[in-house]
Amino acid sequence: MAKKGQTFQKYTEEFKLKAVDMYMNGEGSYDSLSAHLGLRSPTQLKNWVNKIEEGKKLSDQRGKLATGRLKTKFQSVEEERDYYKAQVEYLKKQYPNLHGQVNSEKQ
């Protein structure tokens, strides 16, 4: 877990690809390559290799994921109201018991 004030090393995509290629070509184990390349943990290299094997990109995604409530721009108050009404209706359908609506089939 990250500690308050801790800084993180950022690696370029080229560096990551080079490290993965070295591992894939059998130039060393996770431990030996991470020590040779100056990585803080062999787990970093292992994660990069797994991403490549799964066909995912190695680019840095920190700070690019939506956290919390999505910020949506509305043209009018009515449009915003309709958006939230639709969300409420969707949730009522997904979780009918939360609103005091009990299925008659279960009784």
PDB file of N, CA and C in Angstrom:
ATOM      1  N   MET A   1       0.841  -1.172   0.000  1.00  0.00           N
ATOM      2  CA  MET A   1       0.000   0.000   0.000  1.00  0.00           C
ATOM      3  C   MET A   1       0.889   1.238   0.000  1.00  0.00           C
ATOM      4  N   ALA A   2       0.456   2.231  -0.743  1.00  0.00           N
ATOM      5  CA  ALA A   2       1.227   3.465  -0.843  1.00  0.00           C
ATOM      6  C   ALA A   2       1.162   4.237   0.473  1.00  0.00           C
ATOM      7  N   LYS A   3       2.280   4.853   0.801  1.00  0.00           N
ATOM      8  CA  LYS A   3       2.346   5.665   2.002  1.00  0.00           C
ATOM      9  C   LYS A   3       2.189   7.124   1.618  1.00  0.00           C
ATOM     10  N   LYS A   4       1.708   7.923   2.540  1.00  0.00           N
ATOM     11  CA  LYS A   4       1.508   9.336   2.286  1.00  0.00           C
ATOM     12  C   LYS A   4       2.838   9.994   1.913  1.00  0.00           C
ATOM     13  N   GLY A   5       2.832  10.736   0.826  1.00  0.00           N
ATOM     14  CA  GLY A   5       4.032  11.418   0.383  1.00  0.00           C
ATOM     15  C   GLY A   5       4.965  10.571  -0.462  1.00  0.00           C
ATOM     16  N   GLN A   6       4.620   9.304  -0.680  1.00  0.00           N
ATOM     17  CA  GLN A   6       5.468   8.410  -1.451  1.00  0.00           C
ATOM     18  C   GLN A   6       5.427   8.788  -2.931  1.00  0.00           C
ATOM     19  N   THR A   7       6.556   8.761  -3.580  1.00  0.00           N
ATOM     20  CA  THR A   7       6.602   9.030  -5.013  1.00  0.00           C
ATOM     21  C   THR A   7       6.797   7.721  -5.752  1.00  0.00           C
ATOM     22  N   PHE A   8       6.351   7.698  -6.982  1.00  0.00           N
ATOM     23  CA  PHE A   8       6.417   6.490  -7.779  1.00  0.00           C
ATOM     24  C   PHE A   8       7.284   6.730  -9.003  1.00  0.00           C
ATOM     25  N   GLN A   9       8.021   5.717  -9.377  1.00  0.00           N
ATOM     26  CA  GLN A   9       8.853   5.776 -10.564  1.00  0.00           C
ATOM     27  C   GLN A   9       7.978   5.525 -11.781  1.00  0.00           C
ATOM     28  N   LYS A  10       8.123   6.355 -12.803  1.00  0.00           N
ATOM     29  CA  LYS A  10       7.402   6.143 -14.057  1.00  0.00           C
ATOM     30  C   LYS A  10       8.388   5.631 -15.092  1.00  0.00           C
ATOM     31  N   TYR A  11       7.987   4.624 -15.821  1.00  0.00           N
ATOM     32  CA  TYR A  11       8.829   4.034 -16.840  1.00  0.00           C
ATOM     33  C   TYR A  11       8.188   4.267 -18.198  1.00  0.00           C
ATOM     34  N   THR A  12       9.002   4.525 -19.201  1.00  0.00           N
ATOM     35  CA  THR A  12       8.474   4.728 -20.547  1.00  0.00           C
ATOM     36  C   THR A  12       7.989   3.394 -21.103  1.00  0.00           C
ATOM     37  N   GLU A  13       7.134   3.499 -22.099  1.00  0.00           N
ATOM     38  CA  GLU A  13       6.618   2.278 -22.724  1.00  0.00           C
ATOM     39  C   GLU A  13       7.754   1.508 -23.402  1.00  0.00           C
ATOM     40  N   GLU A  14       8.726   2.236 -23.964  1.00  0.00           N
ATOM     41  CA  GLU A  14       9.863   1.583 -24.608  1.00  0.00           C
ATOM     42  C   GLU A  14      10.676   0.774 -23.589  1.00  0.00           C
ATOM     43  N   PHE A  15      10.872   1.343 -22.404  1.00  0.00           N
ATOM     44  CA  PHE A  15      11.609   0.644 -21.350  1.00  0.00           C
ATOM     45  C   PHE A  15      10.875  -0.627 -20.944  1.00  0.00           C
ATOM     46  N   LYS A  16       9.564  -0.508 -20.788  1.00  0.00           N
ATOM     47  CA  LYS A  16       8.768  -1.670 -20.386  1.00  0.00           C
ATOM     48  C   LYS A  16       8.833  -2.766 -21.445  1.00  0.00           C
ATOM     49  N   LEU A  17       8.702  -2.362 -22.721  1.00  0.00           N
ATOM     50  CA  LEU A  17       8.763  -3.345 -23.806  1.00  0.00           C
ATOM     51  C   LEU A  17      10.135  -4.017 -23.867  1.00  0.00           C
ATOM     52  N   LYS A  18      11.194  -3.239 -23.645  1.00  0.00           N
ATOM     53  CA  LYS A  18      12.543  -3.810 -23.631  1.00  0.00           C
ATOM     54  C   LYS A  18      12.669  -4.840 -22.516  1.00  0.00           C
ATOM     55  N   ALA A  19      12.149  -4.513 -21.340  1.00  0.00           N
ATOM     56  CA  ALA A  19      12.224  -5.431 -20.207  1.00  0.00           C
ATOM     57  C   ALA A  19      11.441  -6.709 -20.488  1.00  0.00           C
ATOM     58  N   VAL A  20      10.257  -6.557 -21.067  1.00  0.00           N
ATOM     59  CA  VAL A  20       9.431  -7.735 -21.393  1.00  0.00           C
ATOM     60  C   VAL A  20      10.135  -8.585 -22.442  1.00  0.00           C
ATOM     61  N   ASP A  21      10.716  -7.943 -23.472  1.00  0.00           N
ATOM     62  CA  ASP A  21      11.439  -8.689 -24.510  1.00  0.00           C
ATOM     63  C   ASP A  21      12.612  -9.462 -23.917  1.00  0.00           C
ATOM     64  N   MET A  22      13.325  -8.827 -23.005  1.00  0.00           N
ATOM     65  CA  MET A  22      14.449  -9.503 -22.366  1.00  0.00           C
ATOM     66  C   MET A  22      13.974 -10.758 -21.629  1.00  0.00           C
ATOM     67  N   TYR A  23      12.834 -10.636 -20.937  1.00  0.00           N
ATOM     68  CA  TYR A  23      12.308 -11.789 -20.201  1.00  0.00           C
ATOM     69  C   TYR A  23      11.845 -12.871 -21.177  1.00  0.00           C
ATOM     70  N   MET A  24      11.129 -12.460 -22.210  1.00  0.00           N
ATOM     71  CA  MET A  24      10.585 -13.423 -23.175  1.00  0.00           C
ATOM     72  C   MET A  24      11.691 -14.147 -23.938  1.00  0.00           C
ATOM     73  N   ASN A  25      12.815 -13.475 -24.155  1.00  0.00           N
ATOM     74  CA  ASN A  25      13.945 -14.078 -24.862  1.00  0.00           C
ATOM     75  C   ASN A  25      14.805 -14.943 -23.955  1.00  0.00           C
ATOM     76  N   GLY A  26      14.415 -15.082 -22.698  1.00  0.00           N
ATOM     77  CA  GLY A  26      15.130 -15.952 -21.781  1.00  0.00           C
ATOM     78  C   GLY A  26      16.426 -15.372 -21.257  1.00  0.00           C
ATOM     79  N   GLU A  27      16.528 -14.054 -21.216  1.00  0.00           N
ATOM     80  CA  GLU A  27      17.764 -13.424 -20.754  1.00  0.00           C
ATOM     81  C   GLU A  27      17.874 -13.379 -19.236  1.00  0.00           C
ATOM     82  N   GLY A  28      16.853 -13.853 -18.549  1.00  0.00           N
ATOM     83  CA  GLY A  28      16.917 -13.893 -17.096  1.00  0.00           C
ATOM     84  C   GLY A  28      15.550 -14.115 -16.482  1.00  0.00           C
ATOM     85  N   SER A  29      15.545 -14.280 -15.174  1.00  0.00           N
ATOM     86  CA  SER A  29      14.285 -14.467 -14.455  1.00  0.00           C
ATOM     87  C   SER A  29      13.723 -13.104 -14.080  1.00  0.00           C
ATOM     88  N   TYR A  30      12.533 -13.100 -13.500  1.00  0.00           N
ATOM     89  CA  TYR A  30      11.941 -11.850 -13.030  1.00  0.00           C
ATOM     90  C   TYR A  30      12.883 -11.160 -12.036  1.00  0.00           C
ATOM     91  N   ASP A  31      13.413 -11.945 -11.114  1.00  0.00           N
ATOM     92  CA  ASP A  31      14.286 -11.389 -10.082  1.00  0.00           C
ATOM     93  C   ASP A  31      15.567 -10.802 -10.664  1.00  0.00           C
ATOM     94  N   SER A  32      16.236 -11.570 -11.507  1.00  0.00           N
ATOM     95  CA  SER A  32      17.522 -11.104 -12.030  1.00  0.00           C
ATOM     96  C   SER A  32      17.351  -9.913 -12.967  1.00  0.00           C
ATOM     97  N   LEU A  33      16.332  -9.940 -13.813  1.00  0.00           N
ATOM     98  CA  LEU A  33      16.113  -8.825 -14.733  1.00  0.00           C
ATOM     99  C   LEU A  33      15.678  -7.560 -14.000  1.00  0.00           C
ATOM    100  N   SER A  34      14.842  -7.709 -12.987  1.00  0.00           N
ATOM    101  CA  SER A  34      14.402  -6.523 -12.252  1.00  0.00           C
ATOM    102  C   SER A  34      15.578  -5.890 -11.511  1.00  0.00           C
ATOM    103  N   ALA A  35      16.493  -6.700 -10.991  1.00  0.00           N
ATOM    104  CA  ALA A  35      17.684  -6.164 -10.332  1.00  0.00           C
ATOM    105  C   ALA A  35      18.594  -5.489 -11.364  1.00  0.00           C
ATOM    106  N   HIS A  36      18.756  -6.117 -12.520  1.00  0.00           N
ATOM    107  CA  HIS A  36      19.608  -5.575 -13.575  1.00  0.00           C
ATOM    108  C   HIS A  36      19.067  -4.246 -14.106  1.00  0.00           C
ATOM    109  N   LEU A  37      17.741  -4.144 -14.238  1.00  0.00           N
ATOM    110  CA  LEU A  37      17.117  -2.944 -14.804  1.00  0.00           C
ATOM    111  C   LEU A  37      16.814  -1.878 -13.761  1.00  0.00           C
ATOM    112  N   GLY A  38      16.979  -2.218 -12.496  1.00  0.00           N
ATOM    113  CA  GLY A  38      16.754  -1.241 -11.438  1.00  0.00           C
ATOM    114  C   GLY A  38      15.295  -1.077 -11.048  1.00  0.00           C
ATOM    115  N   LEU A  39      14.504  -2.117 -11.255  1.00  0.00           N
ATOM    116  CA  LEU A  39      13.097  -2.066 -10.840  1.00  0.00           C
ATOM    117  C   LEU A  39      13.020  -2.293  -9.339  1.00  0.00           C
ATOM    118  N   ARG A  40      12.042  -1.692  -8.717  1.00  0.00           N
ATOM    119  CA  ARG A  40      11.904  -1.843  -7.264  1.00  0.00           C
ATOM    120  C   ARG A  40      11.437  -3.235  -6.872  1.00  0.00           C
ATOM    121  N   SER A  41      10.689  -3.889  -7.783  1.00  0.00           N
ATOM    122  CA  SER A  41      10.136  -5.197  -7.452  1.00  0.00           C
ATOM    123  C   SER A  41      10.026  -6.044  -8.715  1.00  0.00           C
ATOM    124  N   PRO A  42      10.276  -7.343  -8.606  1.00  0.00           N
ATOM    125  CA  PRO A  42      10.081  -8.227  -9.752  1.00  0.00           C
ATOM    126  C   PRO A  42       8.614  -8.309 -10.186  1.00  0.00           C
ATOM    127  N   THR A  43       7.727  -7.947  -9.273  1.00  0.00           N
ATOM    128  CA  THR A  43       6.299  -7.993  -9.583  1.00  0.00           C
ATOM    129  C   THR A  43       5.953  -7.016 -10.705  1.00  0.00           C
ATOM    130  N   GLN A  44       6.661  -5.899 -10.779  1.00  0.00           N
ATOM    131  CA  GLN A  44       6.421  -4.949 -11.867  1.00  0.00           C
ATOM    132  C   GLN A  44       6.646  -5.610 -13.213  1.00  0.00           C
ATOM    133  N   LEU A  45       7.762  -6.272 -13.352  1.00  0.00           N
ATOM    134  CA  LEU A  45       8.081  -6.953 -14.601  1.00  0.00           C
ATOM    135  C   LEU A  45       7.069  -8.051 -14.889  1.00  0.00           C
ATOM    136  N   LYS A  46       6.690  -8.786 -13.872  1.00  0.00           N
ATOM    137  CA  LYS A  46       5.710  -9.860 -14.044  1.00  0.00           C
ATOM    138  C   LYS A  46       4.376  -9.295 -14.534  1.00  0.00           C
ATOM    139  N   ASN A  47       3.959  -8.151 -13.978  1.00  0.00           N
ATOM    140  CA  ASN A  47       2.711  -7.515 -14.410  1.00  0.00           C
ATOM    141  C   ASN A  47       2.793  -7.063 -15.863  1.00  0.00           C
ATOM    142  N   TRP A  48       3.937  -6.513 -16.257  1.00  0.00           N
ATOM    143  CA  TRP A  48       4.109  -6.083 -17.640  1.00  0.00           C
ATOM    144  C   TRP A  48       4.041  -7.268 -18.592  1.00  0.00           C
ATOM    145  N   VAL A  49       4.691  -8.368 -18.224  1.00  0.00           N
ATOM    146  CA  VAL A  49       4.669  -9.570 -19.063  1.00  0.00           C
ATOM    147  C   VAL A  49       3.233 -10.085 -19.185  1.00  0.00           C
ATOM    148  N   ASN A  50       2.508 -10.123 -18.071  1.00  0.00           N
ATOM    149  CA  ASN A  50       1.119 -10.591 -18.108  1.00  0.00           C
ATOM    150  C   ASN A  50       0.262  -9.711 -19.003  1.00  0.00           C
ATOM    151  N   LYS A  51       0.459  -8.395 -18.941  1.00  0.00           N
ATOM    152  CA  LYS A  51      -0.309  -7.486 -19.791  1.00  0.00           C
ATOM    153  C   LYS A  51      -0.038  -7.759 -21.263  1.00  0.00           C
ATOM    154  N   ILE A  52       1.215  -7.941 -21.606  1.00  0.00           N
ATOM    155  CA  ILE A  52       1.567  -8.216 -23.006  1.00  0.00           C
ATOM    156  C   ILE A  52       0.944  -9.539 -23.454  1.00  0.00           C
ATOM    157  N   GLU A  53       0.998 -10.555 -22.602  1.00  0.00           N
ATOM    158  CA  GLU A  53       0.426 -11.856 -22.950  1.00  0.00           C
ATOM    159  C   GLU A  53      -1.085 -11.781 -23.109  1.00  0.00           C
ATOM    160  N   GLU A  54      -1.734 -10.876 -22.386  1.00  0.00           N
ATOM    161  CA  GLU A  54      -3.190 -10.696 -22.490  1.00  0.00           C
ATOM    162  C   GLU A  54      -3.559  -9.755 -23.628  1.00  0.00           C
ATOM    163  N   GLY A  55      -2.566  -9.164 -24.271  1.00  0.00           N
ATOM    164  CA  GLY A  55      -2.829  -8.268 -25.388  1.00  0.00           C
ATOM    165  C   GLY A  55      -3.185  -6.848 -24.975  1.00  0.00           C
ATOM    166  N   LYS A  56      -2.866  -6.478 -23.745  1.00  0.00           N
ATOM    167  CA  LYS A  56      -3.165  -5.127 -23.265  1.00  0.00           C
ATOM    168  C   LYS A  56      -1.978  -4.207 -23.506  1.00  0.00           C
ATOM    169  N   LYS A  57      -2.245  -2.894 -23.443  1.00  0.00           N
ATOM    170  CA  LYS A  57      -1.186  -1.906 -23.629  1.00  0.00           C
ATOM    171  C   LYS A  57      -0.419  -1.705 -22.335  1.00  0.00           C
ATOM    172  N   LEU A  58       0.833  -1.292 -22.467  1.00  0.00           N
ATOM    173  CA  LEU A  58       1.672  -1.035 -21.304  1.00  0.00           C
ATOM    174  C   LEU A  58       1.673   0.435 -20.909  1.00  0.00           C
ATOM    175  N   SER A  59       0.957   1.274 -21.643  1.00  0.00           N
ATOM    176  CA  SER A  59       0.998   2.703 -21.352  1.00  0.00           C
ATOM    177  C   SER A  59       0.440   2.984 -19.961  1.00  0.00           C
ATOM    178  N   ASP A  60       0.922   4.062 -19.375  1.00  0.00           N
ATOM    179  CA  ASP A  60       0.553   4.449 -18.014  1.00  0.00           C
ATOM    180  C   ASP A  60      -0.887   4.941 -17.987  1.00  0.00           C
ATOM    181  N   GLN A  61      -1.720   4.309 -17.167  1.00  0.00           N
ATOM    182  CA  GLN A  61      -3.130   4.663 -17.087  1.00  0.00           C
ATOM    183  C   GLN A  61      -3.482   5.390 -15.800  1.00  0.00           C
ATOM    184  N   ARG A  62      -2.485   5.733 -14.997  1.00  0.00           N
ATOM    185  CA  ARG A  62      -2.784   6.394 -13.732  1.00  0.00           C
ATOM    186  C   ARG A  62      -3.439   7.747 -13.979  1.00  0.00           C
ATOM    187  N   GLY A  63      -4.474   8.009 -13.200  1.00  0.00           N
ATOM    188  CA  GLY A  63      -5.147   9.288 -13.279  1.00  0.00           C
ATOM    189  C   GLY A  63      -6.094   9.406 -14.450  1.00  0.00           C
ATOM    190  N   LYS A  64      -6.246   8.360 -15.245  1.00  0.00           N
ATOM    191  CA  LYS A  64      -7.104   8.427 -16.417  1.00  0.00           C
ATOM    192  C   LYS A  64      -8.425   7.702 -16.212  1.00  0.00           C
ATOM    193  N   LEU A  65      -8.558   7.014 -15.110  1.00  0.00           N
ATOM    194  CA  LEU A  65      -9.797   6.304 -14.836  1.00  0.00           C
ATOM    195  C   LEU A  65     -10.747   7.215 -14.085  1.00  0.00           C
ATOM    196  N   ALA A  66     -12.017   7.058 -14.363  1.00  0.00           N
ATOM    197  CA  ALA A  66     -13.016   7.862 -13.672  1.00  0.00           C
ATOM    198  C   ALA A  66     -13.149   7.369 -12.236  1.00  0.00           C
ATOM    199  N   THR A  67     -13.102   8.275 -11.317  1.00  0.00           N
ATOM    200  CA  THR A  67     -13.299   7.928  -9.922  1.00  0.00           C
ATOM    201  C   THR A  67     -14.447   8.760  -9.394  1.00  0.00           C
ATOM    202  N   GLY A  68     -15.263   8.139  -8.582  1.00  0.00           N
ATOM    203  CA  GLY A  68     -16.397   8.879  -8.040  1.00  0.00           C
ATOM    204  C   GLY A  68     -17.472   9.079  -9.091  1.00  0.00           C
ATOM    205  N   ARG A  69     -18.221  10.139  -8.917  1.00  0.00           N
ATOM    206  CA  ARG A  69     -19.327  10.427  -9.815  1.00  0.00           C
ATOM    207  C   ARG A  69     -18.809  10.966 -11.144  1.00  0.00           C
ATOM    208  N   LEU A  70     -19.373  10.459 -12.239  1.00  0.00           N
ATOM    209  CA  LEU A  70     -19.008  10.957 -13.543  1.00  0.00           C
ATOM    210  C   LEU A  70     -19.592  12.348 -13.719  1.00  0.00           C
ATOM    211  N   LYS A  71     -18.834  13.227 -14.288  1.00  0.00           N
ATOM    212  CA  LYS A  71     -19.304  14.580 -14.502  1.00  0.00           C
ATOM    213  C   LYS A  71     -19.957  14.641 -15.872  1.00  0.00           C
ATOM    214  N   THR A  72     -21.241  14.920 -15.876  1.00  0.00           N
ATOM    215  CA  THR A  72     -21.995  14.978 -17.104  1.00  0.00           C
ATOM    216  C   THR A  72     -22.485  16.400 -17.311  1.00  0.00           C
ATOM    217  N   LYS A  73     -22.355  16.891 -18.514  1.00  0.00           N
ATOM    218  CA  LYS A  73     -22.841  18.231 -18.854  1.00  0.00           C
ATOM    219  C   LYS A  73     -24.233  18.102 -19.443  1.00  0.00           C
ATOM    220  N   PHE A  74     -25.127  18.934 -18.995  1.00  0.00           N
ATOM    221  CA  PHE A  74     -26.493  18.930 -19.489  1.00  0.00           C
ATOM    222  C   PHE A  74     -26.801  20.273 -20.135  1.00  0.00           C
ATOM    223  N   GLN A  75     -27.643  20.235 -21.162  1.00  0.00           N
ATOM    224  CA  GLN A  75     -28.027  21.456 -21.864  1.00  0.00           C
ATOM    225  C   GLN A  75     -29.084  22.236 -21.095  1.00  0.00           C
ATOM    226  N   SER A  76     -29.897  21.511 -20.298  1.00  0.00           N
ATOM    227  CA  SER A  76     -30.955  22.189 -19.557  1.00  0.00           C
ATOM    228  C   SER A  76     -31.240  21.437 -18.262  1.00  0.00           C
ATOM    229  N   VAL A  77     -31.997  22.081 -17.390  1.00  0.00           N
ATOM    230  CA  VAL A  77     -32.386  21.466 -16.125  1.00  0.00           C
ATOM    231  C   VAL A  77     -33.299  20.277 -16.400  1.00  0.00           C
ATOM    232  N   GLU A  78     -34.151  20.407 -17.396  1.00  0.00           N
ATOM    233  CA  GLU A  78     -35.072  19.320 -17.736  1.00  0.00           C
ATOM    234  C   GLU A  78     -34.309  18.077 -18.211  1.00  0.00           C
ATOM    235  N   GLU A  79     -33.281  18.301 -19.001  1.00  0.00           N
ATOM    236  CA  GLU A  79     -32.470  17.175 -19.480  1.00  0.00           C
ATOM    237  C   GLU A  79     -31.787  16.469 -18.307  1.00  0.00           C
ATOM    238  N   GLU A  80     -31.282  17.242 -17.359  1.00  0.00           N
ATOM    239  CA  GLU A  80     -30.651  16.669 -16.183  1.00  0.00           C
ATOM    240  C   GLU A  80     -31.657  15.886 -15.355  1.00  0.00           C
ATOM    241  N   ARG A  81     -32.871  16.448 -15.183  1.00  0.00           N
ATOM    242  CA  ARG A  81     -33.930  15.779 -14.430  1.00  0.00           C
ATOM    243  C   ARG A  81     -34.282  14.445 -15.083  1.00  0.00           C
ATOM    244  N   ASP A  82     -34.448  14.433 -16.400  1.00  0.00           N
ATOM    245  CA  ASP A  82     -34.797  13.204 -17.115  1.00  0.00           C
ATOM    246  C   ASP A  82     -33.690  12.158 -16.983  1.00  0.00           C
ATOM    247  N   TYR A  83     -32.445  12.610 -16.996  1.00  0.00           N
ATOM    248  CA  TYR A  83     -31.311  11.698 -16.836  1.00  0.00           C
ATOM    249  C   TYR A  83     -31.374  11.005 -15.481  1.00  0.00           C
ATOM    250  N   TYR A  84     -31.607  11.778 -14.430  1.00  0.00           N
ATOM    251  CA  TYR A  84     -31.658  11.192 -13.085  1.00  0.00           C
ATOM    252  C   TYR A  84     -32.904  10.340 -12.886  1.00  0.00           C
ATOM    253  N   LYS A  85     -34.001  10.721 -13.491  1.00  0.00           N
ATOM    254  CA  LYS A  85     -35.213   9.885 -13.415  1.00  0.00           C
ATOM    255  C   LYS A  85     -34.953   8.520 -14.052  1.00  0.00           C
ATOM    256  N   ALA A  86     -34.268   8.524 -15.188  1.00  0.00           N
ATOM    257  CA  ALA A  86     -33.953   7.270 -15.871  1.00  0.00           C
ATOM    258  C   ALA A  86     -33.048   6.402 -15.000  1.00  0.00           C
ATOM    259  N   GLN A  87     -32.097   7.014 -14.312  1.00  0.00           N
ATOM    260  CA  GLN A  87     -31.226   6.259 -13.415  1.00  0.00           C
ATOM    261  C   GLN A  87     -32.031   5.624 -12.284  1.00  0.00           C
ATOM    262  N   VAL A  88     -32.963   6.370 -11.703  1.00  0.00           N
ATOM    263  CA  VAL A  88     -33.790   5.857 -10.608  1.00  0.00           C
ATOM    264  C   VAL A  88     -34.643   4.689 -11.096  1.00  0.00           C
ATOM    265  N   GLU A  89     -35.253   4.833 -12.270  1.00  0.00           N
ATOM    266  CA  GLU A  89     -36.075   3.751 -12.812  1.00  0.00           C
ATOM    267  C   GLU A  89     -35.241   2.496 -13.069  1.00  0.00           C
ATOM    268  N   TYR A  90     -34.048   2.681 -13.578  1.00  0.00           N
ATOM    269  CA  TYR A  90     -33.162   1.546 -13.817  1.00  0.00           C
ATOM    270  C   TYR A  90     -32.848   0.828 -12.510  1.00  0.00           C
ATOM    271  N   LEU A  91     -32.510   1.589 -11.478  1.00  0.00           N
ATOM    272  CA  LEU A  91     -32.177   0.987 -10.191  1.00  0.00           C
ATOM    273  C   LEU A  91     -33.387   0.306  -9.562  1.00  0.00           C
ATOM    274  N   LYS A  92     -34.572   0.859  -9.749  1.00  0.00           N
ATOM    275  CA  LYS A  92     -35.785   0.221  -9.233  1.00  0.00           C
ATOM    276  C   LYS A  92     -35.994  -1.144  -9.880  1.00  0.00           C
ATOM    277  N   LYS A  93     -35.698  -1.235 -11.182  1.00  0.00           N
ATOM    278  CA  LYS A  93     -35.850  -2.515 -11.880  1.00  0.00           C
ATOM    279  C   LYS A  93     -34.787  -3.517 -11.423  1.00  0.00           C
ATOM    280  N   GLN A  94     -33.579  -3.025 -11.191  1.00  0.00           N
ATOM    281  CA  GLN A  94     -32.493  -3.914 -10.779  1.00  0.00           C
ATOM    282  C   GLN A  94     -32.645  -4.406  -9.348  1.00  0.00           C
ATOM    283  N   TYR A  95     -33.147  -3.525  -8.470  1.00  0.00           N
ATOM    284  CA  TYR A  95     -33.246  -3.829  -7.041  1.00  0.00           C
ATOM    285  C   TYR A  95     -34.634  -3.474  -6.520  1.00  0.00           C
ATOM    286  N   PRO A  96     -35.639  -4.245  -6.876  1.00  0.00           N
ATOM    287  CA  PRO A  96     -37.008  -3.896  -6.478  1.00  0.00           C
ATOM    288  C   PRO A  96     -37.235  -3.956  -4.967  1.00  0.00           C
ATOM    289  N   ASN A  97     -36.498  -4.777  -4.253  1.00  0.00           N
ATOM    290  CA  ASN A  97     -36.712  -4.912  -2.806  1.00  0.00           C
ATOM    291  C   ASN A  97     -36.234  -3.694  -2.026  1.00  0.00           C
ATOM    292  N   LEU A  98     -35.386  -2.879  -2.603  1.00  0.00           N
ATOM    293  CA  LEU A  98     -34.886  -1.702  -1.903  1.00  0.00           C
ATOM    294  C   LEU A  98     -35.946  -0.617  -1.751  1.00  0.00           C
ATOM    295  N   HIS A  99     -36.964  -0.660  -2.570  1.00  0.00           N
ATOM    296  CA  HIS A  99     -37.992   0.371  -2.541  1.00  0.00           C
ATOM    297  C   HIS A  99     -39.304  -0.162  -1.954  1.00  0.00           C
ATOM    298  N   GLY A 100     -39.228  -1.248  -1.218  1.00  0.00           N
ATOM    299  CA  GLY A 100     -40.418  -1.798  -0.576  1.00  0.00           C
ATOM    300  C   GLY A 100     -41.288  -2.604  -1.516  1.00  0.00           C
ATOM    301  N   GLN A 101     -40.837  -2.815  -2.728  1.00  0.00           N
ATOM    302  CA  GLN A 101     -41.600  -3.599  -3.694  1.00  0.00           C
ATOM    303  C   GLN A 101     -41.121  -5.047  -3.597  1.00  0.00           C
ATOM    304  N   VAL A 102     -41.999  -5.924  -3.165  1.00  0.00           N
ATOM    305  CA  VAL A 102     -41.634  -7.327  -3.002  1.00  0.00           C
ATOM    306  C   VAL A 102     -42.323  -8.108  -4.102  1.00  0.00           C
ATOM    307  N   ASN A 103     -41.578  -9.039  -4.716  1.00  0.00           N
ATOM    308  CA  ASN A 103     -42.163  -9.880  -5.744  1.00  0.00           C
ATOM    309  C   ASN A 103     -43.257 -10.745  -5.132  1.00  0.00           C
ATOM    310  N   SER A 104     -44.400 -10.783  -5.792  1.00  0.00           N
ATOM    311  CA  SER A 104     -45.514 -11.588  -5.287  1.00  0.00           C
ATOM    312  C   SER A 104     -45.207 -13.083  -5.448  1.00  0.00           C
ATOM    313  N   GLU A 105     -44.276 -13.444  -6.316  1.00  0.00           N
ATOM    314  CA  GLU A 105     -43.913 -14.843  -6.521  1.00  0.00           C
ATOM    315  C   GLU A 105     -43.266 -15.445  -5.280  1.00  0.00           C
ATOM    316  N   LYS A 106     -42.565 -14.642  -4.499  1.00  0.00           N
ATOM    317  CA  LYS A 106     -41.846 -15.151  -3.337  1.00  0.00           C
ATOM    318  C   LYS A 106     -42.769 -15.348  -2.147  1.00  0.00           C
ATOM    319  N   GLN A 107     -43.934 -14.749  -2.151  1.00  0.00           N
ATOM    320  CA  GLN A 107     -44.842 -14.848  -1.002  1.00  0.00           C
ATOM    321  C   GLN A 107     -45.641 -16.114  -1.021  1.00  0.00           C
TER     322      GLN A 107
END
